[in-house]
Amino acid sequence: MGERLKVFGLVALLGFLAGVIAQLAAEYVVPTLVKILPAFFSAKYVLSGLAGACLTLALVSIWAYITGPSEP
């Protein structure tokens, strides 16, 4: 159980760092890219791809937690 908590803690830390990076990107990088490439970021496939990536990560995380370790 201790190893699993360490992994969850590491994933939580990585998620926190990813959130900070996403916030910085949303404030600084994305507006600049929208000015440079406006048609690219208004395309529905980009938004659909981002939504699909988030949904897939959530589903894989739930699946990994439910199935648990495969040790005999």
C-alpha atoms as a PDB file:
ATOM      1  CA  MET A   1       0.000   0.000   0.000  1.00  0.00           C
ATOM      2  CA  GLY A   2       2.892   2.366   0.718  1.00  0.00           C
ATOM      3  CA  GLU A   3       4.277   2.043  -2.808  1.00  0.00           C
ATOM      4  CA  ARG A   4       0.893   2.834  -4.297  1.00  0.00           C
ATOM      5  CA  LEU A   5       0.644   5.989  -2.188  1.00  0.00           C
ATOM      6  CA  LYS A   6       4.102   7.046  -3.379  1.00  0.00           C
ATOM      7  CA  VAL A   7       2.999   6.593  -6.992  1.00  0.00           C
ATOM      8  CA  PHE A   8      -0.211   8.540  -6.382  1.00  0.00           C
ATOM      9  CA  GLY A   9       1.799  11.286  -4.710  1.00  0.00           C
ATOM     10  CA  LEU A  10       4.192  11.451  -7.644  1.00  0.00           C
ATOM     11  CA  VAL A  11       1.311  11.573 -10.115  1.00  0.00           C
ATOM     12  CA  ALA A  12      -0.350  14.314  -8.052  1.00  0.00           C
ATOM     13  CA  LEU A  13       2.882  16.320  -8.054  1.00  0.00           C
ATOM     14  CA  LEU A  14       3.271  15.876 -11.800  1.00  0.00           C
ATOM     15  CA  GLY A  15      -0.363  16.892 -12.275  1.00  0.00           C
ATOM     16  CA  PHE A  16       0.201  20.013 -10.210  1.00  0.00           C
ATOM     17  CA  LEU A  17       3.243  20.930 -12.266  1.00  0.00           C
ATOM     18  CA  ALA A  18       1.322  20.248 -15.469  1.00  0.00           C
ATOM     19  CA  GLY A  19      -1.441  22.567 -14.253  1.00  0.00           C
ATOM     20  CA  VAL A  20       1.052  25.346 -13.540  1.00  0.00           C
ATOM     21  CA  ILE A  21       2.606  24.904 -16.977  1.00  0.00           C
ATOM     22  CA  ALA A  22      -0.848  24.850 -18.594  1.00  0.00           C
ATOM     23  CA  GLN A  23      -1.786  28.086 -16.833  1.00  0.00           C
ATOM     24  CA  LEU A  24       1.416  29.781 -17.956  1.00  0.00           C
ATOM     25  CA  ALA A  25       0.882  28.520 -21.485  1.00  0.00           C
ATOM     26  CA  ALA A  26      -2.706  29.773 -21.464  1.00  0.00           C
ATOM     27  CA  GLU A  27      -1.592  33.241 -20.387  1.00  0.00           C
ATOM     28  CA  TYR A  28       1.492  33.697 -22.549  1.00  0.00           C
ATOM     29  CA  VAL A  29       1.943  31.086 -25.267  1.00  0.00           C
ATOM     30  CA  VAL A  30      -1.588  30.510 -26.548  1.00  0.00           C
ATOM     31  CA  PRO A  31      -2.471  34.201 -27.124  1.00  0.00           C
ATOM     32  CA  THR A  32       0.741  34.647 -29.088  1.00  0.00           C
ATOM     33  CA  LEU A  33       0.030  31.566 -31.193  1.00  0.00           C
ATOM     34  CA  VAL A  34      -3.562  32.679 -31.795  1.00  0.00           C
ATOM     35  CA  LYS A  35      -2.249  35.943 -33.198  1.00  0.00           C
ATOM     36  CA  ILE A  36       0.203  34.089 -35.427  1.00  0.00           C
ATOM     37  CA  LEU A  37      -1.998  31.141 -36.454  1.00  0.00           C
ATOM     38  CA  PRO A  38      -5.653  32.118 -35.883  1.00  0.00           C
ATOM     39  CA  ALA A  39      -7.144  29.506 -38.206  1.00  0.00           C
ATOM     40  CA  PHE A  40      -5.337  26.623 -36.518  1.00  0.00           C
ATOM     41  CA  PHE A  41      -6.736  27.276 -33.030  1.00  0.00           C
ATOM     42  CA  SER A  42     -10.267  27.933 -34.219  1.00  0.00           C
ATOM     43  CA  ALA A  43     -10.426  24.513 -35.872  1.00  0.00           C
ATOM     44  CA  LYS A  44     -12.773  22.079 -34.166  1.00  0.00           C
ATOM     45  CA  TYR A  45     -10.388  19.148 -34.554  1.00  0.00           C
ATOM     46  CA  VAL A  46      -7.851  20.782 -32.232  1.00  0.00           C
ATOM     47  CA  LEU A  47     -10.436  21.231 -29.480  1.00  0.00           C
ATOM     48  CA  SER A  48     -11.765  17.726 -30.063  1.00  0.00           C
ATOM     49  CA  GLY A  49      -8.256  16.327 -29.841  1.00  0.00           C
ATOM     50  CA  LEU A  50      -7.598  18.064 -26.539  1.00  0.00           C
ATOM     51  CA  ALA A  51     -10.902  16.844 -25.109  1.00  0.00           C
ATOM     52  CA  GLY A  52     -10.177  13.309 -26.308  1.00  0.00           C
ATOM     53  CA  ALA A  53      -6.727  13.329 -24.723  1.00  0.00           C
ATOM     54  CA  CYS A  54      -8.132  14.428 -21.359  1.00  0.00           C
ATOM     55  CA  LEU A  55     -10.916  11.848 -21.492  1.00  0.00           C
ATOM     56  CA  THR A  56      -8.496   9.069 -22.401  1.00  0.00           C
ATOM     57  CA  LEU A  57      -6.168   9.938 -19.540  1.00  0.00           C
ATOM     58  CA  ALA A  58      -9.078   9.905 -17.104  1.00  0.00           C
ATOM     59  CA  LEU A  59     -10.341   6.546 -18.352  1.00  0.00           C
ATOM     60  CA  VAL A  60      -6.897   4.914 -18.268  1.00  0.00           C
ATOM     61  CA  SER A  61      -6.311   6.223 -14.746  1.00  0.00           C
ATOM     62  CA  ILE A  62      -9.645   4.807 -13.560  1.00  0.00           C
ATOM     63  CA  TRP A  63      -8.936   1.486 -15.274  1.00  0.00           C
ATOM     64  CA  ALA A  64      -5.455   1.237 -13.722  1.00  0.00           C
ATOM     65  CA  TYR A  65      -6.821   2.007 -10.261  1.00  0.00           C
ATOM     66  CA  ILE A  66      -9.688  -0.495 -10.520  1.00  0.00           C
ATOM     67  CA  THR A  67      -7.616  -3.385 -11.861  1.00  0.00           C
ATOM     68  CA  GLY A  68      -4.798  -2.948  -9.330  1.00  0.00           C
ATOM     69  CA  PRO A  69      -1.491  -4.801  -9.508  1.00  0.00           C
ATOM     70  CA  SER A  70      -1.248  -8.003 -11.533  1.00  0.00           C
ATOM     71  CA  GLU A  71       1.008  -9.800  -9.035  1.00  0.00           C
ATOM     72  CA  PRO A  72       0.028 -13.427  -8.284  1.00  0.00           C
END
